[in-house]
């Protein structure tokens, strides 16, 4: 799964749908800007660990498109604790999950001067 590459093009239509899905399903934990500071982030931190700050360049660099896609669909567990729930039922379309990947890639914080 890690080797998969997002098959969709980053255009206004795809990004708009990805943003909408992110806001509906991901913002609660990852926050509107992707900083891991959503309204449920503290609860998640108590139960497992805090949501990742998706704006951090090192987080973006260390996750492939395929890995993000896989985590959206199947979720992520650590020591039997749900770190991130699966969203395959909420986002059943593979194309829609790829659209979320496209949007997540836009959250990376750019360094000053870049």
C-alpha atoms as a PDB file:
ATOM      1  CA  UNK A   1       0.000   0.000   0.000  1.00  0.00           C
ATOM      2  CA  UNK A   2       2.843   2.394   0.805  1.00  0.00           C
ATOM      3  CA  UNK A   3       4.007   2.386  -2.813  1.00  0.00           C
ATOM      4  CA  UNK A   4       0.660   3.528  -4.217  1.00  0.00           C
ATOM      5  CA  UNK A   5       0.597   7.001  -5.717  1.00  0.00           C
ATOM      6  CA  UNK A   6      -2.460   9.231  -5.776  1.00  0.00           C
ATOM      7  CA  UNK A   7      -3.972   8.693  -9.239  1.00  0.00           C
ATOM      8  CA  UNK A   8      -5.925  11.963  -9.209  1.00  0.00           C
ATOM      9  CA  UNK A   9      -4.768  15.339 -10.456  1.00  0.00           C
ATOM     10  CA  UNK A  10      -4.686  18.239  -8.041  1.00  0.00           C
ATOM     11  CA  UNK A  11      -7.276  20.490  -9.651  1.00  0.00           C
ATOM     12  CA  UNK A  12      -9.918  22.768  -8.169  1.00  0.00           C
ATOM     13  CA  UNK A  13     -12.746  20.200  -8.400  1.00  0.00           C
ATOM     14  CA  UNK A  14     -10.776  17.333  -6.800  1.00  0.00           C
ATOM     15  CA  UNK A  15      -9.302  19.600  -4.113  1.00  0.00           C
ATOM     16  CA  UNK A  16     -12.709  21.057  -3.275  1.00  0.00           C
ATOM     17  CA  UNK A  17     -14.190  17.602  -2.754  1.00  0.00           C
ATOM     18  CA  UNK A  18     -11.129  16.535  -0.716  1.00  0.00           C
ATOM     19  CA  UNK A  19     -11.414  19.644   1.480  1.00  0.00           C
ATOM     20  CA  UNK A  20     -15.114  18.998   2.047  1.00  0.00           C
ATOM     21  CA  UNK A  21     -14.500  15.363   3.046  1.00  0.00           C
ATOM     22  CA  UNK A  22     -11.579  16.367   5.287  1.00  0.00           C
ATOM     23  CA  UNK A  23     -13.756  18.913   7.072  1.00  0.00           C
ATOM     24  CA  UNK A  24     -16.547  16.394   7.499  1.00  0.00           C
ATOM     25  CA  UNK A  25     -14.455  13.452   8.731  1.00  0.00           C
ATOM     26  CA  UNK A  26     -10.952  14.584   9.755  1.00  0.00           C
ATOM     27  CA  UNK A  27     -11.250  18.086  11.172  1.00  0.00           C
ATOM     28  CA  UNK A  28     -12.736  16.866  14.446  1.00  0.00           C
ATOM     29  CA  UNK A  29      -9.349  15.443  15.452  1.00  0.00           C
ATOM     30  CA  UNK A  30      -6.775  16.953  13.082  1.00  0.00           C
ATOM     31  CA  UNK A  31      -8.257  20.462  13.192  1.00  0.00           C
ATOM     32  CA  UNK A  32      -9.293  22.843  10.421  1.00  0.00           C
ATOM     33  CA  UNK A  33      -5.688  23.645   9.482  1.00  0.00           C
ATOM     34  CA  UNK A  34      -4.389  20.094  10.133  1.00  0.00           C
ATOM     35  CA  UNK A  35      -2.407  20.928  13.278  1.00  0.00           C
ATOM     36  CA  UNK A  36      -3.837  18.068  15.357  1.00  0.00           C
ATOM     37  CA  UNK A  37      -5.811  20.521  17.474  1.00  0.00           C
ATOM     38  CA  UNK A  38      -9.406  19.657  16.602  1.00  0.00           C
ATOM     39  CA  UNK A  39     -12.166  19.607  19.225  1.00  0.00           C
ATOM     40  CA  UNK A  40     -11.662  15.874  19.898  1.00  0.00           C
ATOM     41  CA  UNK A  41      -7.846  15.967  19.944  1.00  0.00           C
ATOM     42  CA  UNK A  42      -7.538  16.038  23.747  1.00  0.00           C
ATOM     43  CA  UNK A  43      -9.914  13.092  24.137  1.00  0.00           C
ATOM     44  CA  UNK A  44      -7.895  11.172  21.558  1.00  0.00           C
ATOM     45  CA  UNK A  45      -4.664  12.009  23.387  1.00  0.00           C
ATOM     46  CA  UNK A  46      -6.076  10.561  26.619  1.00  0.00           C
ATOM     47  CA  UNK A  47      -7.261   7.360  24.910  1.00  0.00           C
ATOM     48  CA  UNK A  48      -4.288   6.700  22.617  1.00  0.00           C
ATOM     49  CA  UNK A  49      -2.093   9.583  21.460  1.00  0.00           C
ATOM     50  CA  UNK A  50      -2.674  13.018  19.983  1.00  0.00           C
ATOM     51  CA  UNK A  51      -3.592  13.319  16.307  1.00  0.00           C
ATOM     52  CA  UNK A  52      -0.613  14.107  14.096  1.00  0.00           C
ATOM     53  CA  UNK A  53       0.108  17.666  13.086  1.00  0.00           C
ATOM     54  CA  UNK A  54      -0.279  17.310   9.327  1.00  0.00           C
ATOM     55  CA  UNK A  55       1.293  20.721   8.743  1.00  0.00           C
ATOM     56  CA  UNK A  56       4.747  19.546   9.845  1.00  0.00           C
ATOM     57  CA  UNK A  57       7.040  19.027   6.832  1.00  0.00           C
ATOM     58  CA  UNK A  58       8.660  15.956   8.414  1.00  0.00           C
ATOM     59  CA  UNK A  59       5.265  14.301   8.904  1.00  0.00           C
ATOM     60  CA  UNK A  60       4.360  14.978   5.270  1.00  0.00           C
ATOM     61  CA  UNK A  61       7.769  13.761   4.045  1.00  0.00           C
ATOM     62  CA  UNK A  62       7.558  10.514   6.023  1.00  0.00           C
ATOM     63  CA  UNK A  63       4.094   9.479   4.799  1.00  0.00           C
ATOM     64  CA  UNK A  64       3.546   8.284   1.244  1.00  0.00           C
ATOM     65  CA  UNK A  65       0.271   8.924  -0.565  1.00  0.00           C
ATOM     66  CA  UNK A  66      -0.478   5.213  -0.269  1.00  0.00           C
ATOM     67  CA  UNK A  67       0.085   5.243   3.482  1.00  0.00           C
ATOM     68  CA  UNK A  68      -2.279   8.184   3.977  1.00  0.00           C
ATOM     69  CA  UNK A  69      -4.865   6.484   1.743  1.00  0.00           C
ATOM     70  CA  UNK A  70      -4.515   3.231   3.709  1.00  0.00           C
ATOM     71  CA  UNK A  71      -4.870   4.982   7.089  1.00  0.00           C
ATOM     72  CA  UNK A  72      -7.989   6.820   5.951  1.00  0.00           C
ATOM     73  CA  UNK A  73      -9.578   3.536   4.877  1.00  0.00           C
ATOM     74  CA  UNK A  74      -8.431   1.103   7.548  1.00  0.00           C
ATOM     75  CA  UNK A  75      -7.489   3.365  10.431  1.00  0.00           C
ATOM     76  CA  UNK A  76      -4.488   2.850  12.651  1.00  0.00           C
ATOM     77  CA  UNK A  77      -4.072   0.933  15.903  1.00  0.00           C
ATOM     78  CA  UNK A  78      -1.217   0.909  18.363  1.00  0.00           C
ATOM     79  CA  UNK A  79      -1.161  -1.642  21.198  1.00  0.00           C
ATOM     80  CA  UNK A  80      -4.850  -2.437  20.603  1.00  0.00           C
ATOM     81  CA  UNK A  81      -5.743   1.237  21.030  1.00  0.00           C
ATOM     82  CA  UNK A  82      -7.390   3.036  18.154  1.00  0.00           C
ATOM     83  CA  UNK A  83      -5.085   5.872  17.198  1.00  0.00           C
ATOM     84  CA  UNK A  84      -7.161   6.748  14.140  1.00  0.00           C
ATOM     85  CA  UNK A  85     -10.522   5.180  13.307  1.00  0.00           C
ATOM     86  CA  UNK A  86     -11.208   3.654   9.901  1.00  0.00           C
ATOM     87  CA  UNK A  87     -13.280   5.752   7.512  1.00  0.00           C
ATOM     88  CA  UNK A  88     -13.943   3.204   4.768  1.00  0.00           C
ATOM     89  CA  UNK A  89     -17.638   3.100   5.728  1.00  0.00           C
ATOM     90  CA  UNK A  90     -17.929   6.889   5.914  1.00  0.00           C
ATOM     91  CA  UNK A  91     -15.884   7.420   2.728  1.00  0.00           C
ATOM     92  CA  UNK A  92     -16.570   4.220   0.734  1.00  0.00           C
ATOM     93  CA  UNK A  93     -15.354   5.612  -2.595  1.00  0.00           C
ATOM     94  CA  UNK A  94     -11.639   5.004  -3.187  1.00  0.00           C
ATOM     95  CA  UNK A  95     -11.580   8.111  -5.391  1.00  0.00           C
ATOM     96  CA  UNK A  96     -12.949  10.192  -2.524  1.00  0.00           C
ATOM     97  CA  UNK A  97     -10.280   8.847  -0.165  1.00  0.00           C
ATOM     98  CA  UNK A  98      -7.659   9.832  -2.774  1.00  0.00           C
ATOM     99  CA  UNK A  99      -9.252  13.297  -2.846  1.00  0.00           C
ATOM    100  CA  UNK A 100      -8.685  13.552   0.899  1.00  0.00           C
ATOM    101  CA  UNK A 101      -5.030  12.602   0.316  1.00  0.00           C
ATOM    102  CA  UNK A 102      -4.761  15.446  -2.217  1.00  0.00           C
ATOM    103  CA  UNK A 103      -6.134  17.882   0.336  1.00  0.00           C
ATOM    104  CA  UNK A 104      -3.951  16.588   3.179  1.00  0.00           C
ATOM    105  CA  UNK A 105      -0.909  17.324   1.011  1.00  0.00           C
ATOM    106  CA  UNK A 106      -1.916  21.007   0.884  1.00  0.00           C
ATOM    107  CA  UNK A 107      -1.749  21.306   4.667  1.00  0.00           C
ATOM    108  CA  UNK A 108       2.048  21.200   4.854  1.00  0.00           C
ATOM    109  CA  UNK A 109       3.465  24.337   6.403  1.00  0.00           C
ATOM    110  CA  UNK A 110       5.848  26.068   4.041  1.00  0.00           C
ATOM    111  CA  UNK A 111       9.060  27.526   5.422  1.00  0.00           C
ATOM    112  CA  UNK A 112       9.541  31.292   5.150  1.00  0.00           C
ATOM    113  CA  UNK A 113      11.047  32.231   1.825  1.00  0.00           C
ATOM    114  CA  UNK A 114       9.728  29.146  -0.019  1.00  0.00           C
END
